[in-house]
Amino acid sequence: MTVEAALSRRRNTHNLLTGLRGLAWLVVAAVSWVISWHALWWLFAVPTYMLGQLWRWSPSARMCDIAAWVGIVLLAVEGIRYSKRLFDIEEYARSAYYKAFTIGSAEPMPTGNALVGNPLGVPYLISQALFIAPRSSVKSLFAFKSIILMNDSVVEAAHHVINDLARNNRWTTVQRYREHAHALAPLEKLNILQHHLTAGVVEVRLDRDFLNEQLGQSTMD
């Protein structure tokens, strides 16, 4: 396979899979935002309605709508800032919220049962479920940002780098490709280039799988 065909094939495959992943996360985000809005609507409506019965008052649908939208804004901000893995029961079992309800126990409850008998177990699960919407939105955005668009200049530079390295595929300093530096990052994102640092110098070479499978050449150490 020629360098041009190999590069085009690798880029098209990468962009197709990345685009599909982005669309999948976008669908999850859209559905989860709708579910989250309705969940927040009821989380506001039910408690305020129950409390309102004490003085014969109940929240209007308009008030519940506003509360739900305010909740969505807060959820978006906190959800984007929340970087921990969702539904991490082990992390929850180590938190102060869980330990506050296990003080005085003869022995700690197994991690797998951290939610059992804990008054904060259900709220924890609800909060984690609500975070699905902002988290999937971020994943969708990152997936679409990972799509690699290469203009003619970048493609030409990429061909030069691949052709040069394919001769022996030895570790080569990036300074050799100073004029074609704008092609190095896209090539690495496509897993065509590998890099390492030696004595403070960055060196690159072609990925062995790309060299073998796409170009049909044997690797060299």
Protein backbone atom coordinates (compact mmCIF):
# COMPACT_ATOMS: atom_id res chain seq x y z
CA MET A 1 0.00 0.00 0.00
CA THR A 2 1.31 3.46 -0.84
CA VAL A 3 2.00 6.06 1.84
CA GLU A 4 -0.84 8.22 0.49
CA ALA A 5 -3.32 5.35 0.65
CA ALA A 6 -2.13 4.19 4.08
CA LEU A 7 -2.39 7.66 5.58
CA SER A 8 -5.83 8.23 4.06
CA ARG A 9 -7.08 4.87 5.30
CA ARG A 10 -5.80 5.42 8.84
CA ARG A 11 -7.27 8.94 8.97
CA ASN A 12 -10.65 7.90 7.55
CA THR A 13 -10.92 4.98 9.97
CA HIS A 14 -9.98 7.17 12.92
CA ASN A 15 -12.46 9.90 11.97
CA LEU A 16 -15.27 7.43 11.33
CA LEU A 17 -14.87 5.69 14.69
CA THR A 18 -14.38 8.98 16.51
CA GLY A 19 -17.43 10.52 14.84
CA LEU A 20 -19.58 7.52 15.71
CA ARG A 21 -18.38 7.66 19.30
CA GLY A 22 -19.20 11.36 19.44
CA LEU A 23 -22.69 10.76 18.05
CA ALA A 24 -23.28 7.94 20.54
CA TRP A 25 -22.31 10.15 23.47
CA LEU A 26 -24.45 12.96 22.00
CA VAL A 27 -27.50 10.70 22.00
CA VAL A 28 -26.79 9.63 25.58
CA ALA A 29 -26.37 13.29 26.56
CA ALA A 30 -29.63 14.36 24.91
CA VAL A 31 -31.65 11.61 26.56
CA SER A 32 -30.00 12.04 29.96
CA TRP A 33 -30.53 15.84 29.94
CA VAL A 34 -34.25 15.33 29.35
CA ILE A 35 -34.42 12.73 32.11
CA SER A 36 -32.39 14.95 34.44
CA TRP A 37 -34.71 17.94 33.84
CA HIS A 38 -37.77 15.89 34.75
CA ALA A 39 -36.00 14.35 37.74
CA LEU A 40 -35.07 17.80 39.05
CA TRP A 41 -38.62 18.99 38.41
CA TRP A 42 -40.03 16.25 40.65
CA LEU A 43 -37.24 16.58 43.22
CA PHE A 44 -38.37 20.17 43.70
CA ALA A 45 -42.11 19.66 43.30
CA VAL A 46 -42.65 16.76 45.69
CA PRO A 47 -40.91 18.16 48.81
CA THR A 48 -42.33 21.66 48.35
CA TYR A 49 -45.82 20.25 47.79
CA MET A 50 -45.58 18.14 50.95
CA LEU A 51 -44.30 21.06 52.99
CA GLY A 52 -46.88 23.35 51.42
CA GLN A 53 -49.70 21.22 52.80
CA LEU A 54 -48.88 22.59 56.23
CA TRP A 55 -50.19 26.00 55.18
CA ARG A 56 -52.41 24.95 52.27
CA TRP A 57 -50.03 25.99 49.52
CA SER A 58 -48.48 24.13 46.60
CA PRO A 59 -45.88 25.18 44.00
CA SER A 60 -47.11 26.13 40.56
CA ALA A 61 -45.95 24.28 37.45
CA ARG A 62 -44.17 27.47 36.38
CA MET A 63 -42.23 27.56 39.63
CA CYS A 64 -41.24 23.91 39.21
CA ASP A 65 -40.10 24.61 35.64
CA ILE A 66 -37.87 27.47 36.80
CA ALA A 67 -36.45 25.35 39.62
CA ALA A 68 -35.70 22.55 37.16
CA TRP A 69 -33.85 24.90 34.78
CA VAL A 70 -31.85 26.40 37.64
CA GLY A 71 -30.98 22.87 38.69
CA ILE A 72 -29.89 22.05 35.14
CA VAL A 73 -27.52 25.03 35.09
CA LEU A 74 -26.02 24.04 38.44
CA LEU A 75 -25.79 20.43 37.29
CA ALA A 76 -23.96 21.46 34.12
CA VAL A 77 -21.40 23.48 36.09
CA GLU A 78 -20.83 20.88 38.79
CA GLY A 79 -20.98 17.97 36.36
CA ILE A 80 -18.22 19.42 34.20
CA ARG A 81 -16.09 20.11 37.28
CA TYR A 82 -16.70 16.62 38.69
CA SER A 83 -13.75 14.57 37.44
CA LYS A 84 -14.14 11.41 39.50
CA ARG A 85 -15.36 8.12 38.07
CA LEU A 86 -19.13 7.78 38.30
CA PHE A 87 -20.71 5.16 40.55
CA ASP A 88 -17.38 4.50 42.27
CA ILE A 89 -18.68 2.62 45.31
CA GLU A 90 -15.19 2.11 46.72
CA GLU A 91 -14.53 5.85 46.68
CA TYR A 92 -17.95 6.45 48.25
CA ALA A 93 -17.16 3.93 51.02
CA ARG A 94 -14.05 5.94 51.88
CA SER A 95 -15.93 9.25 52.01
CA ALA A 96 -16.99 11.09 55.15
CA TYR A 97 -20.65 10.79 54.10
CA TYR A 98 -20.50 7.02 54.38
CA LYS A 99 -18.30 6.90 57.47
CA ALA A 100 -20.66 9.27 59.30
CA PHE A 101 -23.25 6.50 59.37
CA THR A 102 -20.87 3.69 60.31
CA ILE A 103 -19.34 5.22 63.43
CA GLY A 104 -19.65 2.81 66.31
CA SER A 105 -19.98 -0.27 64.13
CA ALA A 106 -18.17 -3.33 65.37
CA GLU A 107 -16.40 -3.75 62.03
CA PRO A 108 -16.52 -1.89 58.75
CA MET A 109 -19.11 -2.94 56.22
CA PRO A 110 -17.73 -4.55 53.03
CA THR A 111 -17.22 -2.05 50.23
CA GLY A 112 -19.75 -3.81 48.00
CA ASN A 113 -22.47 -3.19 50.62
CA ALA A 114 -21.57 0.44 51.29
CA LEU A 115 -24.99 1.62 50.10
CA VAL A 116 -26.98 -0.90 52.11
CA GLY A 117 -28.68 0.60 55.15
CA ASN A 118 -27.11 4.01 54.56
CA PRO A 119 -29.58 6.94 54.49
CA LEU A 120 -27.35 8.69 51.95
CA GLY A 121 -27.14 5.68 49.65
CA VAL A 122 -30.10 6.58 47.46
CA PRO A 123 -29.20 10.30 47.21
CA TYR A 124 -25.68 9.25 46.20
CA LEU A 125 -27.02 7.07 43.39
CA ILE A 126 -29.35 9.86 42.24
CA SER A 127 -26.51 12.39 42.17
CA GLN A 128 -24.33 10.01 40.17
CA ALA A 129 -27.14 9.37 37.69
CA LEU A 130 -27.65 13.12 37.24
CA PHE A 131 -23.96 13.54 36.43
CA ILE A 132 -24.36 11.27 33.40
CA ALA A 133 -25.78 14.17 31.36
CA PRO A 134 -22.89 16.63 31.71
CA ARG A 135 -20.27 13.87 31.62
CA SER A 136 -21.61 12.41 28.37
CA SER A 137 -21.83 15.92 26.89
CA VAL A 138 -18.14 16.50 27.62
CA LYS A 139 -17.22 13.11 26.17
CA SER A 140 -19.17 13.91 23.01
CA LEU A 141 -17.41 17.26 22.67
CA PHE A 142 -13.97 15.71 23.16
CA ALA A 143 -14.76 12.99 20.64
CA PHE A 144 -15.71 15.51 17.95
CA LYS A 145 -12.62 17.58 18.78
CA SER A 146 -10.51 14.46 18.18
CA ILE A 147 -11.56 14.31 14.52
CA ILE A 148 -8.45 15.04 12.49
CA LEU A 149 -8.76 17.44 9.56
CA MET A 150 -5.63 17.72 7.41
CA ASN A 151 -5.30 20.32 4.65
CA ASP A 152 -3.06 19.84 1.64
CA SER A 153 -0.06 21.35 3.41
CA VAL A 154 -0.35 19.00 6.39
CA VAL A 155 -0.92 15.97 4.14
CA GLU A 156 2.16 16.83 2.07
CA ALA A 157 4.27 17.26 5.20
CA ALA A 158 2.92 14.00 6.64
CA HIS A 159 3.87 12.14 3.47
CA HIS A 160 7.40 13.53 3.72
CA VAL A 161 7.79 12.45 7.36
CA ILE A 162 6.40 8.96 6.74
CA ASN A 163 8.50 8.42 3.62
CA ASP A 164 11.64 9.56 5.38
CA LEU A 165 11.12 7.41 8.48
CA ALA A 166 10.00 4.36 6.48
CA ARG A 167 13.51 3.97 5.02
CA ASN A 168 14.86 2.43 8.24
CA ASN A 169 12.40 3.54 10.95
CA ARG A 170 15.09 4.36 13.46
CA TRP A 171 14.53 6.86 16.25
CA THR A 172 15.04 10.26 14.66
CA THR A 173 15.20 13.67 16.31
CA VAL A 174 12.22 15.90 15.61
CA GLN A 175 14.62 18.67 14.63
CA ARG A 176 15.03 16.85 11.34
CA TYR A 177 11.41 17.68 10.55
CA ARG A 178 11.44 21.32 11.58
CA GLU A 179 9.83 22.35 8.29
CA HIS A 180 7.18 19.65 8.63
CA ALA A 181 6.46 20.06 12.35
CA HIS A 182 2.78 20.88 11.71
CA ALA A 183 2.26 17.25 10.61
CA LEU A 184 3.79 15.58 13.68
CA ALA A 185 0.86 16.07 16.08
CA PRO A 186 -1.80 14.72 13.66
CA LEU A 187 0.41 11.72 12.87
CA GLU A 188 0.80 10.94 16.56
CA LYS A 189 -2.94 11.26 17.16
CA LEU A 190 -3.46 8.74 14.37
CA ASN A 191 -1.03 6.36 16.11
CA ILE A 192 1.28 6.54 13.11
CA LEU A 193 4.12 8.14 15.05
CA GLN A 194 5.68 7.13 18.36
CA HIS A 195 7.92 9.40 20.39
CA HIS A 196 10.28 9.22 23.34
CA LEU A 197 12.68 11.52 25.15
CA THR A 198 16.40 10.76 25.12
CA ALA A 199 18.89 13.07 26.85
CA GLY A 200 16.39 15.91 26.60
CA VAL A 201 15.85 15.36 22.88
CA VAL A 202 12.50 14.24 21.47
CA GLU A 203 12.81 11.47 18.91
CA VAL A 204 10.15 9.89 16.72
CA ARG A 205 9.65 6.81 14.60
CA LEU A 206 6.78 5.11 12.82
CA ASP A 207 4.44 2.86 14.74
CA ARG A 208 5.41 -0.75 14.04
CA ASP A 209 1.86 -1.88 13.34
CA PHE A 210 1.42 0.92 10.82
CA LEU A 211 4.71 0.03 9.17
CA ASN A 212 3.85 -3.68 8.99
CA GLU A 213 0.14 -3.66 8.28
CA GLN A 214 -0.29 -0.49 6.24
CA LEU A 215 3.03 -0.16 4.41
CA GLY A 216 3.94 -3.85 4.33
CA GLN A 217 7.45 -3.28 5.64
CA SER A 218 9.30 -5.12 8.40
CA THR A 219 10.22 -3.32 11.61
CA MET A 220 13.69 -2.49 12.81
CA ASP A 221 14.75 -1.79 16.39
